């Protein structure tokens, strides 16, 4: 714990009743193991402490925990209807041409067939072309290598979502 005064959003998060805190954490990441670890480490004095706890929890997730976390993410280019978070994160695909969308769908399906889960990338700030190029590059990975890349991408997504959470709680 590094800060002398807890930022307001973090103080509100720390003060949430356990069930409410768990619910907001599961909106950040669908892994119950990840959310449970962050919940158990409350209260946090600084956002950096929360991010460090997130990184540590992410590093400890089992293959099943990662599967659970990935299940909370829609395919690139097809955000869940009514989900502003995935739509915002995948904004780079919003203006994509029909050709790029079709190519991304084909690549998504090939990736899912090979790895058994959606292609996951921290899409914030990336263009549709950058996401397409990433899936083309990563589809050649070995499953173990790809799982660790997914772990890293999830960690980046969680950091962005936690920062946004602290601005809205």
Protein backbone atom coordinates (compact mmCIF):
# COMPACT_ATOMS: atom_id res chain seq x y z
CA UNK A 1 0.00 0.00 0.00
CA UNK A 2 1.67 3.15 -1.22
CA UNK A 3 -0.70 6.10 -0.96
CA UNK A 4 -1.58 8.25 2.03
CA UNK A 5 -5.08 9.04 0.82
CA UNK A 6 -7.21 6.64 -1.17
CA UNK A 7 -8.63 8.08 -4.44
CA UNK A 8 -12.43 8.53 -4.35
CA UNK A 9 -13.30 5.83 -6.92
CA UNK A 10 -11.08 3.33 -5.18
CA UNK A 11 -12.54 4.25 -1.78
CA UNK A 12 -16.05 3.65 -3.18
CA UNK A 13 -14.94 0.29 -4.60
CA UNK A 14 -13.37 -0.69 -1.27
CA UNK A 15 -16.62 0.24 0.51
CA UNK A 16 -18.90 -1.84 -1.72
CA UNK A 17 -20.69 -4.72 -0.06
CA UNK A 18 -18.94 -7.97 -0.97
CA UNK A 19 -21.58 -9.23 -3.39
CA UNK A 20 -21.71 -5.86 -5.21
CA UNK A 21 -17.91 -5.71 -5.41
CA UNK A 22 -17.81 -9.24 -6.82
CA UNK A 23 -20.42 -8.29 -9.43
CA UNK A 24 -18.42 -5.28 -10.65
CA UNK A 25 -15.21 -7.34 -10.74
CA UNK A 26 -16.92 -10.02 -12.82
CA UNK A 27 -17.92 -7.29 -15.30
CA UNK A 28 -14.21 -6.51 -15.65
CA UNK A 29 -13.18 -10.17 -16.03
CA UNK A 30 -15.46 -13.21 -16.15
CA UNK A 31 -13.00 -15.39 -14.20
CA UNK A 32 -14.41 -16.11 -10.75
CA UNK A 33 -10.91 -17.05 -9.53
CA UNK A 34 -9.50 -13.68 -10.65
CA UNK A 35 -12.41 -11.76 -9.13
CA UNK A 36 -12.19 -13.74 -5.89
CA UNK A 37 -8.49 -12.98 -5.48
CA UNK A 38 -9.05 -9.25 -6.02
CA UNK A 39 -12.01 -9.25 -3.66
CA UNK A 40 -10.02 -11.04 -0.94
CA UNK A 41 -7.23 -8.45 -1.12
CA UNK A 42 -9.46 -5.43 -0.43
CA UNK A 43 -9.09 -2.73 0.71
CA UNK A 44 -6.65 -1.14 -1.72
CA UNK A 45 -4.84 2.08 -0.86
CA UNK A 46 -3.94 2.99 -4.44
CA UNK A 47 -4.99 2.09 -7.97
CA UNK A 48 -1.47 0.69 -8.49
CA UNK A 49 -2.16 -1.82 -5.71
CA UNK A 50 -5.35 -2.95 -7.42
CA UNK A 51 -3.53 -3.28 -10.76
CA UNK A 52 -0.70 -5.25 -9.12
CA UNK A 53 -3.26 -7.58 -7.50
CA UNK A 54 -4.93 -8.01 -10.90
CA UNK A 55 -1.61 -8.87 -12.55
CA UNK A 56 -0.75 -11.36 -9.80
CA UNK A 57 -4.19 -12.99 -10.00
CA UNK A 58 -3.92 -13.20 -13.80
CA UNK A 59 -0.54 -14.94 -13.52
CA UNK A 60 -2.07 -17.59 -11.23
CA UNK A 61 -5.08 -18.48 -13.40
CA UNK A 62 -5.33 -22.08 -14.48
CA UNK A 63 -6.26 -23.11 -18.01
CA UNK A 64 -9.88 -23.54 -16.87
CA UNK A 65 -9.85 -20.08 -15.27
CA UNK A 66 -8.55 -18.58 -18.52
CA UNK A 67 -11.29 -20.39 -20.45
CA UNK A 68 -13.86 -18.89 -18.08
CA UNK A 69 -12.37 -15.42 -18.56
CA UNK A 70 -12.31 -15.75 -22.36
CA UNK A 71 -15.93 -16.89 -22.42
CA UNK A 72 -16.83 -13.37 -21.28
CA UNK A 73 -15.42 -11.86 -24.49
CA UNK A 74 -17.32 -11.74 -27.78
CA UNK A 75 -15.50 -12.33 -31.07
CA UNK A 76 -13.75 -9.33 -32.62
CA UNK A 77 -16.12 -7.47 -34.91
CA UNK A 78 -19.19 -8.95 -33.24
CA UNK A 79 -19.61 -7.21 -29.86
CA UNK A 80 -22.47 -8.46 -27.73
CA UNK A 81 -25.68 -6.53 -28.46
CA UNK A 82 -26.37 -4.04 -25.69
CA UNK A 83 -22.83 -4.34 -24.29
CA UNK A 84 -21.24 -0.88 -24.45
CA UNK A 85 -17.94 -2.17 -23.05
CA UNK A 86 -17.18 -4.60 -25.88
CA UNK A 87 -18.51 -2.12 -28.45
CA UNK A 88 -16.19 0.60 -27.09
CA UNK A 89 -13.20 -1.73 -26.93
CA UNK A 90 -13.78 -2.97 -30.48
CA UNK A 91 -14.40 0.49 -31.91
CA UNK A 92 -11.66 -0.13 -34.49
CA UNK A 93 -13.98 -2.56 -36.28
CA UNK A 94 -16.96 -0.19 -36.25
CA UNK A 95 -16.10 1.44 -39.58
CA UNK A 96 -14.55 -1.62 -41.16
CA UNK A 97 -15.52 -2.50 -44.70
CA UNK A 98 -17.73 -5.48 -45.40
CA UNK A 99 -14.69 -7.20 -46.89
CA UNK A 100 -12.63 -6.71 -43.71
CA UNK A 101 -15.54 -7.88 -41.54
CA UNK A 102 -15.95 -11.02 -43.65
CA UNK A 103 -12.21 -11.70 -43.52
CA UNK A 104 -12.20 -11.21 -39.75
CA UNK A 105 -15.14 -13.60 -39.34
CA UNK A 106 -13.33 -16.24 -41.40
CA UNK A 107 -10.12 -15.75 -39.38
CA UNK A 108 -12.05 -15.81 -36.08
CA UNK A 109 -13.62 -19.14 -37.01
CA UNK A 110 -10.29 -20.65 -38.08
CA UNK A 111 -8.68 -19.43 -34.84
CA UNK A 112 -11.54 -20.86 -32.74
CA UNK A 113 -11.26 -24.19 -34.55
CA UNK A 114 -7.52 -24.38 -33.84
CA UNK A 115 -7.47 -23.10 -30.25
CA UNK A 116 -10.99 -23.82 -28.98
CA UNK A 117 -11.73 -20.23 -27.90
CA UNK A 118 -12.30 -16.77 -29.32
CA UNK A 119 -9.39 -14.73 -30.60
CA UNK A 120 -8.61 -12.38 -27.75
CA UNK A 121 -6.70 -9.14 -28.14
CA UNK A 122 -6.64 -5.89 -26.22
CA UNK A 123 -8.52 -4.14 -29.01
CA UNK A 124 -8.63 -0.69 -27.40
CA UNK A 125 -7.01 1.77 -29.80
CA UNK A 126 -6.43 -0.79 -32.55
CA UNK A 127 -7.80 -0.54 -36.08
CA UNK A 128 -9.65 -3.37 -37.76
CA UNK A 129 -6.62 -3.96 -39.95
CA UNK A 130 -4.32 -4.23 -36.91
CA UNK A 131 -6.65 -6.79 -35.31
CA UNK A 132 -6.84 -8.77 -38.56
CA UNK A 133 -3.05 -8.74 -38.89
CA UNK A 134 -2.69 -9.90 -35.26
CA UNK A 135 -4.99 -12.89 -35.72
CA UNK A 136 -3.17 -13.80 -38.96
CA UNK A 137 0.14 -13.72 -37.09
CA UNK A 138 -1.04 -15.52 -33.98
CA UNK A 139 -2.94 -18.34 -35.67
CA UNK A 140 0.42 -19.97 -36.42
CA UNK A 141 1.35 -20.13 -32.72
CA UNK A 142 1.56 -23.32 -30.72
CA UNK A 143 -1.38 -23.67 -28.29
CA UNK A 144 0.82 -23.19 -25.20
CA UNK A 145 2.39 -20.04 -26.66
CA UNK A 146 -1.01 -18.68 -27.64
CA UNK A 147 -2.44 -19.32 -24.16
CA UNK A 148 0.31 -17.15 -22.63
CA UNK A 149 -0.33 -14.40 -25.19
CA UNK A 150 -4.02 -14.56 -24.28
CA UNK A 151 -3.10 -14.28 -20.59
CA UNK A 152 -1.09 -11.11 -21.37
CA UNK A 153 -3.88 -9.64 -23.51
CA UNK A 154 -6.44 -10.35 -20.76
CA UNK A 155 -4.18 -8.64 -18.25
CA UNK A 156 -4.05 -5.51 -20.42
CA UNK A 157 -7.83 -5.56 -20.92
CA UNK A 158 -8.37 -5.95 -17.17
CA UNK A 159 -6.08 -2.99 -16.39
CA UNK A 160 -8.04 -0.76 -18.79
CA UNK A 161 -11.37 -1.95 -17.40
CA UNK A 162 -10.24 -1.53 -13.78
CA UNK A 163 -9.13 2.04 -14.50
CA UNK A 164 -12.51 2.76 -16.07
CA UNK A 165 -14.25 1.07 -13.11
CA UNK A 166 -12.53 3.39 -10.67
CA UNK A 167 -13.77 6.37 -12.68
CA UNK A 168 -17.40 5.14 -12.52
CA UNK A 169 -17.84 3.49 -9.11
